[in-house]
Amino acid sequence: MVHRDVKPENVMVTHQGEVKLIDFGSVLVKVLAETNSLPVEKVEVGAVHYIAPEYLLKHSSSHQSDMYSVAMVIYEMLTGKLPFKAFKYQD
């Protein structure tokens, strides 16, 4: 499974100090991809500041895409800011 929406809002810390990932609404299940049973997505899923570049460019995600998102969350947690500024698209 690939979560595809790792962001601070989807990380929960329990009273025992355990970190839990929540909101599996956009999860990609490999067996569905292999049987071509996935719904067609017209828009990338996930929060734009945490999406891995390869997902935006190739529209394919993997566990490595989730690791990129985790790294973005940890960077923001440690520094209080995102490593990249928002990109403004201009025609």
N, C-alpha and C. Protein backbone atom coordinates (compact mmCIF):
# COMPACT_ATOMS: atom_id res chain seq x y z
N MET A 1 0.83 -1.17 0.00
CA MET A 1 0.00 0.00 0.00
C MET A 1 0.88 1.25 0.00
N VAL A 2 0.43 2.23 -0.74
CA VAL A 2 1.09 3.54 -0.76
C VAL A 2 0.05 4.55 -0.27
N HIS A 3 0.36 5.29 0.77
CA HIS A 3 -0.60 6.19 1.40
C HIS A 3 -0.95 7.37 0.49
N ARG A 4 0.00 8.02 -0.11
CA ARG A 4 -0.12 9.13 -1.05
C ARG A 4 -0.66 10.43 -0.47
N ASP A 5 -0.87 10.50 0.83
CA ASP A 5 -1.35 11.76 1.43
C ASP A 5 -0.73 11.96 2.81
N VAL A 6 0.58 11.73 2.90
CA VAL A 6 1.28 11.94 4.17
C VAL A 6 1.47 13.44 4.34
N LYS A 7 0.93 13.98 5.41
CA LYS A 7 1.04 15.40 5.76
C LYS A 7 0.81 15.52 7.25
N PRO A 8 1.16 16.64 7.86
CA PRO A 8 1.02 16.75 9.32
C PRO A 8 -0.39 16.46 9.83
N GLU A 9 -1.40 16.83 9.08
CA GLU A 9 -2.78 16.60 9.51
C GLU A 9 -3.13 15.12 9.58
N ASN A 10 -2.36 14.27 8.91
CA ASN A 10 -2.63 12.83 8.90
C ASN A 10 -1.68 12.04 9.80
N VAL A 11 -0.96 12.74 10.64
CA VAL A 11 -0.08 12.08 11.61
C VAL A 11 -0.64 12.34 13.00
N MET A 12 -0.85 11.27 13.75
CA MET A 12 -1.42 11.38 15.08
C MET A 12 -0.43 10.78 16.09
N VAL A 13 -0.28 11.41 17.22
CA VAL A 13 0.57 10.89 18.29
C VAL A 13 -0.35 10.53 19.45
N THR A 14 -0.29 9.27 19.89
CA THR A 14 -1.16 8.81 20.97
C THR A 14 -0.63 9.28 22.32
N HIS A 15 -1.43 9.08 23.35
CA HIS A 15 -1.00 9.43 24.72
C HIS A 15 0.21 8.62 25.16
N GLN A 16 0.41 7.46 24.55
CA GLN A 16 1.57 6.61 24.87
C GLN A 16 2.80 7.00 24.06
N GLY A 17 2.68 8.01 23.20
CA GLY A 17 3.80 8.47 22.40
C GLY A 17 3.98 7.73 21.08
N GLU A 18 3.02 6.89 20.71
CA GLU A 18 3.10 6.17 19.44
C GLU A 18 2.65 7.08 18.30
N VAL A 19 3.34 7.01 17.18
CA VAL A 19 2.98 7.79 16.00
C VAL A 19 2.13 6.92 15.09
N LYS A 20 0.97 7.44 14.70
CA LYS A 20 0.04 6.69 13.85
C LYS A 20 -0.26 7.52 12.61
N LEU A 21 -0.34 6.86 11.47
CA LEU A 21 -0.74 7.50 10.23
C LEU A 21 -2.22 7.23 10.02
N ILE A 22 -2.99 8.28 9.76
CA ILE A 22 -4.44 8.13 9.61
C ILE A 22 -4.87 8.60 8.22
N ASP A 23 -6.14 8.49 7.90
CA ASP A 23 -6.77 8.91 6.66
C ASP A 23 -6.22 8.13 5.47
N PHE A 24 -6.78 6.98 5.25
CA PHE A 24 -6.36 6.12 4.15
C PHE A 24 -7.28 6.24 2.94
N GLY A 25 -7.90 7.41 2.77
CA GLY A 25 -8.84 7.63 1.67
C GLY A 25 -8.19 7.65 0.31
N SER A 26 -6.92 7.96 0.22
CA SER A 26 -6.25 8.05 -1.09
C SER A 26 -5.19 6.96 -1.26
N VAL A 27 -5.26 5.92 -0.45
CA VAL A 27 -4.25 4.87 -0.49
C VAL A 27 -4.29 4.13 -1.83
N LEU A 28 -3.13 3.75 -2.33
CA LEU A 28 -3.00 2.97 -3.55
C LEU A 28 -2.65 1.54 -3.13
N VAL A 29 -3.49 0.62 -3.49
CA VAL A 29 -3.26 -0.79 -3.17
C VAL A 29 -2.70 -1.46 -4.42
N LYS A 30 -1.53 -2.05 -4.29
CA LYS A 30 -0.80 -2.58 -5.43
C LYS A 30 -1.60 -3.61 -6.22
N VAL A 31 -2.33 -4.45 -5.55
CA VAL A 31 -3.09 -5.49 -6.26
C VAL A 31 -4.14 -4.86 -7.18
N LEU A 32 -4.71 -3.73 -6.80
CA LEU A 32 -5.67 -3.05 -7.67
C LEU A 32 -4.98 -2.47 -8.90
N ALA A 33 -3.78 -1.97 -8.71
CA ALA A 33 -3.01 -1.43 -9.84
C ALA A 33 -2.66 -2.54 -10.82
N GLU A 34 -2.32 -3.72 -10.30
CA GLU A 34 -1.93 -4.84 -11.16
C GLU A 34 -3.11 -5.38 -11.96
N THR A 35 -4.31 -5.26 -11.44
CA THR A 35 -5.49 -5.78 -12.15
C THR A 35 -6.23 -4.69 -12.91
N ASN A 36 -5.65 -3.50 -12.98
CA ASN A 36 -6.26 -2.36 -13.66
C ASN A 36 -7.65 -2.04 -13.11
N SER A 37 -7.83 -2.18 -11.80
CA SER A 37 -9.11 -1.91 -11.15
C SER A 37 -9.13 -0.55 -10.46
N LEU A 38 -8.11 0.26 -10.70
CA LEU A 38 -8.04 1.57 -10.04
C LEU A 38 -8.97 2.56 -10.71
N PRO A 39 -9.56 3.44 -9.92
CA PRO A 39 -10.36 4.51 -10.54
C PRO A 39 -9.44 5.49 -11.26
N VAL A 40 -9.94 6.11 -12.31
CA VAL A 40 -9.17 7.10 -13.05
C VAL A 40 -9.16 8.39 -12.25
N GLU A 41 -7.96 8.90 -11.98
CA GLU A 41 -7.82 10.14 -11.21
C GLU A 41 -7.44 11.26 -12.15
N LYS A 42 -8.23 12.31 -12.16
CA LYS A 42 -7.96 13.45 -13.03
C LYS A 42 -7.06 14.47 -12.35
N VAL A 43 -6.99 14.42 -11.03
CA VAL A 43 -6.19 15.35 -10.25
C VAL A 43 -5.34 14.54 -9.28
N GLU A 44 -4.10 14.97 -9.07
CA GLU A 44 -3.23 14.28 -8.13
C GLU A 44 -3.84 14.35 -6.73
N VAL A 45 -3.67 13.28 -5.98
CA VAL A 45 -4.16 13.27 -4.60
C VAL A 45 -3.03 13.66 -3.66
N GLY A 46 -3.38 14.21 -2.53
CA GLY A 46 -2.39 14.59 -1.55
C GLY A 46 -2.23 16.10 -1.47
N ALA A 47 -1.59 16.53 -0.41
CA ALA A 47 -1.35 17.95 -0.18
C ALA A 47 -0.16 18.40 -1.03
N VAL A 48 -0.33 19.47 -1.76
CA VAL A 48 0.65 19.91 -2.75
C VAL A 48 2.05 20.13 -2.16
N HIS A 49 2.18 20.59 -0.94
CA HIS A 49 3.49 20.84 -0.36
C HIS A 49 4.24 19.57 0.03
N TYR A 50 3.56 18.45 0.05
CA TYR A 50 4.17 17.20 0.51
C TYR A 50 4.25 16.13 -0.57
N ILE A 51 3.75 16.41 -1.77
CA ILE A 51 3.73 15.43 -2.86
C ILE A 51 5.13 15.29 -3.45
N ALA A 52 5.54 14.05 -3.71
CA ALA A 52 6.84 13.80 -4.33
C ALA A 52 6.83 14.26 -5.79
N PRO A 53 7.93 14.79 -6.27
CA PRO A 53 8.00 15.29 -7.65
C PRO A 53 7.65 14.23 -8.70
N GLU A 54 8.08 13.00 -8.50
CA GLU A 54 7.80 11.97 -9.51
C GLU A 54 6.31 11.68 -9.64
N TYR A 55 5.58 11.88 -8.56
CA TYR A 55 4.14 11.68 -8.64
C TYR A 55 3.49 12.78 -9.48
N LEU A 56 3.96 14.00 -9.32
CA LEU A 56 3.42 15.10 -10.12
C LEU A 56 3.82 14.97 -11.59
N LEU A 57 5.03 14.51 -11.86
CA LEU A 57 5.53 14.43 -13.23
C LEU A 57 5.05 13.19 -13.98
N LYS A 58 5.07 12.04 -13.31
CA LYS A 58 4.77 10.77 -13.98
C LYS A 58 3.41 10.19 -13.60
N HIS A 59 2.76 10.78 -12.61
CA HIS A 59 1.48 10.27 -12.11
C HIS A 59 1.60 8.84 -11.61
N SER A 60 2.77 8.51 -11.07
CA SER A 60 2.93 7.20 -10.45
C SER A 60 3.59 7.40 -9.09
N SER A 61 3.15 6.62 -8.13
CA SER A 61 3.69 6.75 -6.78
C SER A 61 4.12 5.39 -6.27
N SER A 62 5.02 5.42 -5.30
CA SER A 62 5.53 4.19 -4.69
C SER A 62 5.81 4.48 -3.22
N HIS A 63 6.35 3.49 -2.54
CA HIS A 63 6.70 3.72 -1.14
C HIS A 63 7.75 4.83 -1.02
N GLN A 64 8.55 5.02 -2.07
CA GLN A 64 9.55 6.09 -2.06
C GLN A 64 8.87 7.47 -2.08
N SER A 65 7.74 7.57 -2.74
CA SER A 65 6.97 8.82 -2.75
C SER A 65 6.49 9.15 -1.35
N ASP A 66 6.03 8.13 -0.63
CA ASP A 66 5.61 8.32 0.75
C ASP A 66 6.79 8.73 1.64
N MET A 67 7.96 8.16 1.39
CA MET A 67 9.14 8.51 2.18
C MET A 67 9.52 9.97 1.94
N TYR A 68 9.37 10.46 0.72
CA TYR A 68 9.62 11.87 0.43
C TYR A 68 8.67 12.73 1.27
N SER A 69 7.40 12.36 1.30
CA SER A 69 6.40 13.11 2.08
C SER A 69 6.74 13.08 3.57
N VAL A 70 7.18 11.93 4.07
CA VAL A 70 7.58 11.82 5.47
C VAL A 70 8.75 12.76 5.75
N ALA A 71 9.71 12.80 4.83
CA ALA A 71 10.86 13.69 5.01
C ALA A 71 10.43 15.16 5.03
N MET A 72 9.46 15.51 4.21
CA MET A 72 8.95 16.89 4.20
C MET A 72 8.29 17.22 5.54
N VAL A 73 7.53 16.29 6.09
CA VAL A 73 6.86 16.49 7.38
C VAL A 73 7.90 16.64 8.49
N ILE A 74 8.91 15.80 8.49
CA ILE A 74 9.96 15.86 9.52
C ILE A 74 10.74 17.18 9.41
N TYR A 75 11.06 17.59 8.19
CA TYR A 75 11.76 18.87 7.99
C TYR A 75 10.93 20.01 8.57
N GLU A 76 9.65 20.02 8.26
CA GLU A 76 8.78 21.08 8.77
C GLU A 76 8.67 21.02 10.29
N MET A 77 8.63 19.82 10.83
CA MET A 77 8.54 19.65 12.28
C MET A 77 9.79 20.20 12.97
N LEU A 78 10.95 19.99 12.38
CA LEU A 78 12.21 20.42 12.99
C LEU A 78 12.52 21.91 12.79
N THR A 79 12.10 22.46 11.65
CA THR A 79 12.46 23.84 11.33
C THR A 79 11.31 24.83 11.46
N GLY A 80 10.08 24.32 11.43
CA GLY A 80 8.92 25.20 11.49
C GLY A 80 8.53 25.80 10.14
N LYS A 81 9.18 25.33 9.07
CA LYS A 81 8.83 25.82 7.73
C LYS A 81 9.07 24.71 6.72
N LEU A 82 8.49 24.90 5.55
CA LEU A 82 8.69 23.94 4.47
C LEU A 82 10.01 24.25 3.76
N PRO A 83 10.67 23.25 3.17
CA PRO A 83 11.95 23.50 2.52
C PRO A 83 11.83 24.27 1.21
N PHE A 84 10.65 24.26 0.59
CA PHE A 84 10.45 24.94 -0.68
C PHE A 84 9.30 25.93 -0.57
N LYS A 85 9.42 27.03 -1.27
CA LYS A 85 8.33 28.00 -1.33
C LYS A 85 7.30 27.52 -2.34
N ALA A 86 6.07 27.98 -2.16
CA ALA A 86 5.01 27.62 -3.09
C ALA A 86 5.32 28.17 -4.47
N PHE A 87 5.07 27.37 -5.49
CA PHE A 87 5.32 27.77 -6.87
C PHE A 87 4.04 28.37 -7.42
N LYS A 88 4.14 29.55 -8.02
CA LYS A 88 2.98 30.18 -8.64
C LYS A 88 3.06 29.97 -10.15
N TYR A 89 2.06 29.31 -10.67
CA TYR A 89 2.01 29.05 -12.11
C TYR A 89 1.50 30.29 -12.83
N GLN A 90 2.21 30.68 -13.89
CA GLN A 90 1.79 31.83 -14.68
C GLN A 90 1.72 31.42 -16.14
N ASP A 91 0.68 31.85 -16.81
CA ASP A 91 0.52 31.54 -18.25
C ASP A 91 1.47 32.36 -19.08
